[in-house]
Amino acid sequence: MKIISIVGARPQFIKLAPLSEKLASDHNEIIVHTGQHYDFAMSNQIFSDLGIRNPDFHLGVGSGSHAAQTGDMMKALEDVMVKENPGLVIVFGDTNTTLAGALAASKLNIPLVHVEAGLRSYNRAMPEEVNRVVTDHVSEYLFAPTETASRLLEGEGLKEKTYVTGDIMVDTIRKNLPVAIEKSTILSDLEIEKAGYNLLTLHRNYNVDNPEILVNILDQLDMLGELIIFPVHPRTKKNIENTEISWKNILLTEPLGYIDFIAAEYYSKRIITDSGGIQKEAFILGHPCITLRTETEWVETVEAGWNLLVAPSDNDICGKIRSFEVPAKRENIFGEDVSSKMAEIINTI
C-alpha cells in the first residue's frame, strides 16, 4: 500500500522514525515534510540523527499565523495527495501540520491514522488542543498511547476507531539512547557533571513572550542555587536579553540536536519544561519532571508521582521544586515495542 506520512516539527520526526522503519518492508511510504518549524538544512540533521531517509516532498511552508499556515499547508498537501493517490495518510501529534494533513486527507476521503490520539488538556486556548480534537474526529484509526487516552476517546463516541498501542516515543528512546550515551559529547562540551545540573526547556508563548512570566520563572529557578542548562530558541533568547537581567545559575546554550538532547536529559538531575513530549521523555528515562503549566495532556505522569505541575506565575516555584520527591518505582504506562503494534494494525487495513 502507498502511505503518506506527514511531519513538520521535531516531535513528529521523533515519532516517525521507528514507525517508518517498520513500514518499509511492506509498504511504499511517501514522507512529506511541511517545513512548519524547521527548514530543510536544520531538519536534515535531525533526520540523520534519527536514521530517517530524506523526505520525498519538502513543502517549505514556514511560519505565519495559525490560519494562514494551516491553509497554506492544506493546499500544498492536497496537491501531493492528489498526485500520489495514497491508500492511507498518517499524521502525528497535535501541530498545525497534524491538522492540515488531517483535513486535507478527510476532504479527499483518504483513510487517516492519528498517532498519539486521545490527548486532552481541556485548555482550548492552546492551539494544540483544537488541532488534536479535530484530528481525532476526522480519523478512521486512532492510535492511543495510554489507557487514559483510550477512555477519553470512548467518551467522545470514538471507541470503535481506537487502538491502544502505547507511546511510540518509547521505541525512539530505546533505540537512540545507547547511541547518545556513546556518541554525545555534551558533558565535556558544556563542562558539566553527570547529575550536576537541571535541564530546562521553554517554548509556550505564555511562558516566553510575557516578560513578567519569563522573568519570574528564571528568577525562581536561579534561586535553586543549582546549575540550570537552558537550550534556548533564538526568539526566546532575544526576549531574555530584552529584560536586561542576568542569572548566575542559568547557562544559556544553542538548541541541541536530538542525540545531544537525549544525552542531556539522561545525565540531568531533573527536567523542567513546558513541553508535552519532554514530560514523557522524562518519565521514560526515570527523571523527576517539573512542568511549568497548570494542566497537562499526560495526566498519568502526574498521577504516578513523577511529574509536578507548577503555574508559571507561582511565586514559590523554587520551593515546590525543592520539596518534590518521586516514588521509588515507576509503572510502565507507555508500553513497549509500540511501532510493531502500529505496523500490525496498518498491515490489516
Protein backbone atom coordinates (compact mmCIF):
# COMPACT_ATOMS: atom_id res chain seq x y z
CA MET A 1 0.00 0.00 0.00
CA LYS A 2 1.12 3.54 -0.70
CA ILE A 3 1.20 5.55 2.53
CA ILE A 4 1.84 9.25 3.04
CA SER A 5 3.40 10.15 6.40
CA ILE A 6 3.20 13.87 7.21
CA VAL A 7 5.61 15.64 9.56
CA GLY A 8 6.70 19.21 10.14
CA ALA A 9 8.14 19.61 13.63
CA ARG A 10 10.76 17.93 15.78
CA PRO A 11 8.34 15.87 17.95
CA GLN A 12 6.84 14.44 14.76
CA PHE A 13 10.23 13.44 13.37
CA ILE A 14 10.83 11.57 16.63
CA LYS A 15 7.52 9.71 16.31
CA LEU A 16 8.00 8.98 12.60
CA ALA A 17 11.41 7.30 12.91
CA PRO A 18 10.51 3.90 14.41
CA LEU A 19 7.22 3.58 12.52
CA SER A 20 8.81 4.39 9.18
CA GLU A 21 11.37 1.68 9.79
CA LYS A 22 8.62 -0.89 10.42
CA LEU A 23 6.59 0.13 7.36
CA ALA A 24 9.50 0.00 4.92
CA SER A 25 9.35 -3.73 4.15
CA ASP A 26 5.62 -3.95 3.40
CA HIS A 27 4.57 -0.55 2.09
CA ASN A 28 5.57 2.28 -0.20
CA GLU A 29 5.89 5.17 2.24
CA ILE A 30 5.98 8.76 0.98
CA ILE A 31 7.41 11.14 3.61
CA VAL A 32 6.14 14.72 3.40
CA HIS A 33 7.80 17.48 5.44
CA THR A 34 5.68 20.64 5.60
CA GLY A 35 8.51 22.83 6.88
CA GLN A 36 6.36 24.12 9.74
CA HIS A 37 9.15 24.52 12.29
CA TYR A 38 12.34 23.54 10.53
CA ASP A 39 13.88 24.49 7.21
CA PHE A 40 15.43 21.70 5.17
CA ALA A 41 19.02 22.27 6.35
CA MET A 42 18.08 22.27 10.04
CA SER A 43 15.80 19.26 9.86
CA ASN A 44 18.35 17.34 7.79
CA GLN A 45 20.47 16.88 10.92
CA ILE A 46 17.52 15.61 12.94
CA PHE A 47 16.57 13.16 10.18
CA SER A 48 20.18 11.97 10.10
CA ASP A 49 20.33 11.58 13.89
CA LEU A 50 17.14 9.53 13.85
CA GLY A 51 18.06 7.43 10.82
CA ILE A 52 15.16 8.68 8.69
CA ARG A 53 15.68 8.99 4.96
CA ASN A 54 15.22 12.41 3.39
CA PRO A 55 11.60 13.47 2.77
CA ASP A 56 10.12 12.80 -0.65
CA PHE A 57 8.45 16.23 -0.51
CA HIS A 58 9.51 19.32 1.40
CA LEU A 59 6.76 21.92 1.19
CA GLY A 60 8.70 24.80 2.76
CA VAL A 61 5.60 26.41 4.23
CA GLY A 62 7.42 28.08 7.12
CA SER A 63 5.90 30.37 9.73
CA GLY A 64 2.77 32.51 9.67
CA SER A 65 -0.47 32.97 11.57
CA HIS A 66 -2.20 29.75 12.56
CA ALA A 67 -4.89 30.16 9.93
CA ALA A 68 -2.53 31.21 7.13
CA GLN A 69 -0.01 28.48 7.93
CA THR A 70 -2.65 25.77 8.16
CA GLY A 71 -4.32 26.93 4.95
CA ASP A 72 -1.05 27.00 3.02
CA MET A 73 -0.19 23.52 4.24
CA MET A 74 -3.63 22.15 3.35
CA LYS A 75 -3.34 23.39 -0.22
CA ALA A 76 0.18 22.01 -0.67
CA LEU A 77 -0.70 18.70 0.97
CA GLU A 78 -3.81 18.31 -1.17
CA ASP A 79 -1.64 18.68 -4.28
CA VAL A 80 0.69 15.94 -3.05
CA MET A 81 -2.19 13.63 -2.12
CA VAL A 82 -3.89 14.08 -5.49
CA LYS A 83 -0.60 13.39 -7.27
CA GLU A 84 0.36 10.33 -5.21
CA ASN A 85 -3.14 8.89 -4.58
CA PRO A 86 -2.24 7.08 -1.34
CA GLY A 87 -4.31 4.38 0.32
CA LEU A 88 -3.58 5.81 3.76
CA VAL A 89 -2.34 9.03 5.38
CA ILE A 90 -0.59 9.12 8.77
CA VAL A 91 -0.36 12.23 10.94
CA PHE A 92 1.36 12.62 14.29
CA GLY A 93 0.70 14.65 17.42
CA ASP A 94 -1.09 17.99 17.53
CA THR A 95 0.61 20.71 15.48
CA ASN A 96 -0.80 22.75 12.60
CA THR A 97 0.86 20.17 10.34
CA THR A 98 -1.28 17.50 12.02
CA LEU A 99 -4.48 19.45 11.48
CA ALA A 100 -3.66 20.40 7.89
CA GLY A 101 -2.84 16.80 6.98
CA ALA A 102 -5.97 15.51 8.66
CA LEU A 103 -8.31 17.97 6.97
CA ALA A 104 -6.72 17.53 3.53
CA ALA A 105 -6.99 13.74 3.75
CA SER A 106 -10.54 13.94 5.07
CA LYS A 107 -11.69 16.20 2.23
CA LEU A 108 -10.24 13.70 -0.27
CA ASN A 109 -11.81 10.71 1.52
CA ILE A 110 -8.42 9.12 2.20
CA PRO A 111 -8.33 6.92 5.34
CA LEU A 112 -6.40 8.63 8.13
CA VAL A 113 -4.30 7.33 11.03
CA HIS A 114 -3.69 9.63 14.00
CA VAL A 115 -0.64 8.62 16.03
CA GLU A 116 -0.93 9.94 19.61
CA ALA A 117 -4.70 10.21 19.67
CA GLY A 118 -6.92 10.92 22.64
CA LEU A 119 -4.85 13.52 24.47
CA ARG A 120 -6.79 16.30 26.16
CA SER A 121 -5.64 19.24 28.27
CA TYR A 122 -9.12 20.82 28.17
CA ASN A 123 -7.44 24.17 27.58
CA ARG A 124 -8.88 25.47 24.30
CA ALA A 125 -6.56 28.49 24.50
CA MET A 126 -3.82 26.09 23.37
CA PRO A 127 -3.88 25.73 19.56
CA GLU A 128 -2.69 22.15 20.03
CA GLU A 129 -5.90 21.25 21.88
CA VAL A 130 -8.08 22.29 18.95
CA ASN A 131 -5.77 20.53 16.50
CA ARG A 132 -5.87 17.21 18.33
CA VAL A 133 -9.63 17.21 18.92
CA VAL A 134 -10.45 17.91 15.27
CA THR A 135 -7.89 15.39 14.04
CA ASP A 136 -9.30 12.64 16.25
CA HIS A 137 -12.81 13.24 14.96
CA VAL A 138 -11.90 13.02 11.26
CA SER A 139 -9.59 9.99 11.62
CA GLU A 140 -10.52 6.37 10.89
CA TYR A 141 -7.74 4.86 13.03
CA LEU A 142 -6.86 6.34 16.43
CA PHE A 143 -3.62 5.07 17.97
CA ALA A 144 -3.95 5.88 21.66
CA PRO A 145 -0.73 5.98 23.70
CA THR A 146 -2.36 5.13 27.05
CA GLU A 147 -5.49 3.64 28.58
CA THR A 148 -6.46 7.14 29.76
CA ALA A 149 -6.39 8.41 26.18
CA SER A 150 -8.49 5.42 25.10
CA ARG A 151 -11.14 6.15 27.74
CA LEU A 152 -11.32 9.79 26.68
CA LEU A 153 -11.86 8.76 23.06
CA GLU A 154 -14.56 6.31 24.13
CA GLY A 155 -16.28 9.15 25.97
CA GLU A 156 -16.36 11.11 22.72
CA GLY A 157 -18.01 8.26 20.83
CA LEU A 158 -14.81 7.04 19.12
CA LYS A 159 -14.35 3.66 20.76
CA GLU A 160 -14.70 1.64 17.55
CA LYS A 161 -11.85 3.54 15.91
CA THR A 162 -9.47 3.37 18.88
CA TYR A 163 -6.45 1.09 19.31
CA VAL A 164 -4.31 1.21 22.46
CA THR A 165 -0.81 0.88 21.03
CA GLY A 166 1.37 2.56 23.65
CA ASP A 167 3.51 5.60 23.01
CA ILE A 168 5.85 5.38 20.04
CA MET A 169 8.46 7.61 21.70
CA VAL A 170 9.34 4.61 23.86
CA ASP A 171 10.79 2.94 20.77
CA THR A 172 12.65 6.07 19.67
CA ILE A 173 14.34 6.50 23.03
CA ARG A 174 15.14 2.80 23.36
CA LYS A 175 16.92 2.85 20.00
CA ASN A 176 18.70 6.18 20.33
CA LEU A 177 19.70 6.38 23.99
CA PRO A 178 22.63 3.93 23.62
CA VAL A 179 23.79 5.95 20.60
CA ALA A 180 23.53 9.18 22.59
CA ILE A 181 25.48 7.74 25.52
CA GLU A 182 28.20 6.53 23.18
CA LYS A 183 28.49 9.49 20.81
CA SER A 184 27.32 12.65 22.56
CA THR A 185 29.99 14.97 23.92
CA ILE A 186 27.50 17.30 25.61
CA LEU A 187 29.00 16.89 29.10
CA SER A 188 32.51 17.77 28.02
CA ASP A 189 31.33 20.46 25.61
CA LEU A 190 29.47 22.29 28.38
CA GLU A 191 31.95 21.25 31.10
CA ILE A 192 29.22 19.80 33.31
CA GLU A 193 29.00 16.74 35.55
CA LYS A 194 26.54 13.86 35.47
CA ALA A 195 23.50 14.66 37.65
CA GLY A 196 25.11 18.03 38.38
CA TYR A 197 22.54 20.17 36.59
CA ASN A 198 18.88 20.67 35.81
CA LEU A 199 17.73 20.70 32.18
CA LEU A 200 15.26 23.44 31.23
CA THR A 201 13.15 23.85 28.10
CA LEU A 202 10.57 26.58 27.47
CA HIS A 203 8.62 27.27 24.30
CA ARG A 204 4.98 28.04 25.18
CA ASN A 205 4.01 31.55 24.16
CA TYR A 206 2.53 32.31 27.55
CA ASN A 207 5.89 31.50 29.17
CA VAL A 208 8.41 33.03 26.78
CA ASP A 209 6.55 36.02 25.27
CA ASN A 210 5.33 37.52 28.54
CA PRO A 211 8.34 39.30 30.13
CA GLU A 212 6.83 39.20 33.63
CA ILE A 213 6.21 35.45 33.47
CA LEU A 214 9.58 34.74 31.85
CA VAL A 215 11.47 36.73 34.48
CA ASN A 216 9.53 35.07 37.31
CA ILE A 217 10.39 31.60 36.01
CA LEU A 218 14.08 32.38 35.62
CA ASP A 219 14.28 34.24 38.95
CA GLN A 220 12.72 31.29 40.74
CA LEU A 221 14.93 28.73 39.03
CA ASP A 222 18.04 30.80 39.76
CA MET A 223 17.08 30.70 43.45
CA LEU A 224 17.54 26.93 43.46
CA GLY A 225 21.26 27.57 43.61
CA GLU A 226 21.82 24.72 41.17
CA LEU A 227 23.13 24.81 37.61
CA ILE A 228 20.36 25.12 35.00
CA ILE A 229 21.21 24.17 31.40
CA PHE A 230 18.81 26.01 29.10
CA PRO A 231 18.98 25.25 25.35
CA VAL A 232 17.16 28.31 24.13
CA HIS A 233 15.45 29.22 20.86
CA PRO A 234 16.79 32.45 19.26
CA ARG A 235 13.46 34.26 19.71
CA THR A 236 13.33 33.34 23.39
CA LYS A 237 16.97 34.34 23.79
CA LYS A 238 16.12 37.77 22.38
CA ASN A 239 13.23 38.08 24.87
CA ILE A 240 15.62 37.23 27.70
CA GLU A 241 18.18 39.77 26.51
CA ASN A 242 15.45 42.42 26.34
CA THR A 243 14.88 42.03 30.07
CA GLU A 244 18.46 43.25 30.69
CA ILE A 245 18.66 40.82 33.62
CA SER A 246 21.23 38.09 34.11
CA TRP A 247 21.07 34.95 36.24
CA LYS A 248 24.18 33.40 37.77
CA ASN A 249 23.00 29.77 37.81
CA ILE A 250 21.38 29.59 34.36
CA LEU A 251 23.55 28.67 31.38
CA LEU A 252 22.01 29.50 28.01
CA THR A 253 23.10 27.27 25.14
CA GLU A 254 22.24 26.96 21.49
CA PRO A 255 19.43 24.50 20.62
CA LEU A 256 20.71 20.91 20.83
CA GLY A 257 20.48 18.19 18.21
CA TYR A 258 18.40 15.15 19.11
CA ILE A 259 21.29 12.92 20.16
CA ASP A 260 22.85 15.61 22.38
CA PHE A 261 19.47 16.50 23.85
CA ILE A 262 18.66 12.90 24.79
CA ALA A 263 22.08 12.66 26.44
CA ALA A 264 21.47 15.94 28.29
CA GLU A 265 18.15 14.57 29.56
CA TYR A 266 19.69 11.27 30.57
CA TYR A 267 22.53 12.82 32.58
CA SER A 268 20.44 15.56 34.23
CA LYS A 269 19.33 15.70 37.87
CA ARG A 270 15.79 16.73 36.95
CA ILE A 271 13.96 18.12 33.93
CA ILE A 272 11.97 21.37 33.96
CA THR A 273 9.79 22.02 30.93
CA ASP A 274 6.53 23.22 29.42
CA SER A 275 6.67 20.62 26.62
CA GLY A 276 4.29 17.68 26.38
CA GLY A 277 6.80 15.39 24.70
CA ILE A 278 9.57 16.12 27.15
CA GLN A 279 7.28 15.26 30.06
CA LYS A 280 7.02 11.80 28.53
CA GLU A 281 10.74 11.53 27.88
CA ALA A 282 11.50 12.47 31.49
CA PHE A 283 9.18 9.70 32.71
CA ILE A 284 10.58 7.11 30.31
CA LEU A 285 14.13 8.00 31.38
CA GLY A 286 13.20 7.89 35.07
CA HIS A 287 13.83 11.56 35.87
CA PRO A 288 11.71 13.88 38.03
CA CYS A 289 9.85 16.39 35.86
CA ILE A 290 8.57 19.82 36.80
CA THR A 291 6.05 21.10 34.25
CA LEU A 292 5.58 24.87 34.17
CA ARG A 293 1.92 24.70 33.24
CA THR A 294 -1.40 24.48 35.07
CA GLU A 295 -2.56 21.43 33.09
CA THR A 296 -1.09 18.55 31.12
CA GLU A 297 -2.12 16.04 28.48
CA TRP A 298 -0.01 13.45 30.29
CA VAL A 299 -2.01 13.16 33.48
CA GLU A 300 -0.66 9.65 34.06
CA THR A 301 2.80 11.03 34.79
CA VAL A 302 1.34 13.34 37.44
CA GLU A 303 -0.79 10.59 38.96
CA ALA A 304 2.29 8.34 39.08
CA GLY A 305 4.09 10.99 41.15
CA TRP A 306 6.88 11.66 38.64
CA ASN A 307 5.60 14.97 37.23
CA LEU A 308 4.75 18.11 39.20
CA LEU A 309 2.58 20.85 37.68
CA VAL A 310 3.54 24.36 38.76
CA ALA A 311 1.93 27.56 37.49
CA PRO A 312 4.44 29.76 35.63
CA SER A 313 3.30 32.76 37.69
CA ASP A 314 3.77 30.96 41.01
CA ASN A 315 5.97 32.90 43.44
CA ASP A 316 7.29 29.71 45.03
CA ILE A 317 8.42 27.66 42.03
CA CYS A 318 11.77 27.22 43.73
CA GLY A 319 10.29 25.88 46.97
CA LYS A 320 7.97 23.47 45.19
CA ILE A 321 10.83 22.07 43.14
CA ARG A 322 12.98 21.59 46.24
CA SER A 323 10.25 19.70 48.07
CA PHE A 324 9.25 17.48 45.14
CA GLU A 325 10.20 13.84 45.62
CA VAL A 326 9.37 10.99 43.28
CA PRO A 327 8.34 7.43 44.26
CA ALA A 328 10.81 4.58 44.37
CA LYS A 329 9.15 2.79 41.44
CA ARG A 330 7.63 3.62 38.07
CA GLU A 331 4.91 1.63 36.38
CA ASN A 332 5.16 1.02 32.65
CA ILE A 333 2.39 3.33 31.43
CA PHE A 334 3.65 3.90 27.88
CA GLY A 335 4.08 0.32 26.65
CA GLU A 336 6.85 -1.26 24.62
CA ASP A 337 7.55 -2.38 21.05
CA VAL A 338 4.92 0.16 20.07
CA SER A 339 5.87 0.63 16.42
CA SER A 340 5.43 -3.09 15.77
CA LYS A 341 1.88 -2.94 17.17
CA MET A 342 1.09 0.05 14.95
CA ALA A 343 2.54 -1.64 11.87
CA GLU A 344 0.49 -4.80 12.53
CA ILE A 345 -2.72 -2.73 12.59
CA ILE A 346 -1.75 -0.85 9.43
CA ASN A 347 -0.97 -4.15 7.68
CA THR A 348 -4.61 -5.19 8.13
CA ILE A 349 -6.03 -2.03 6.56
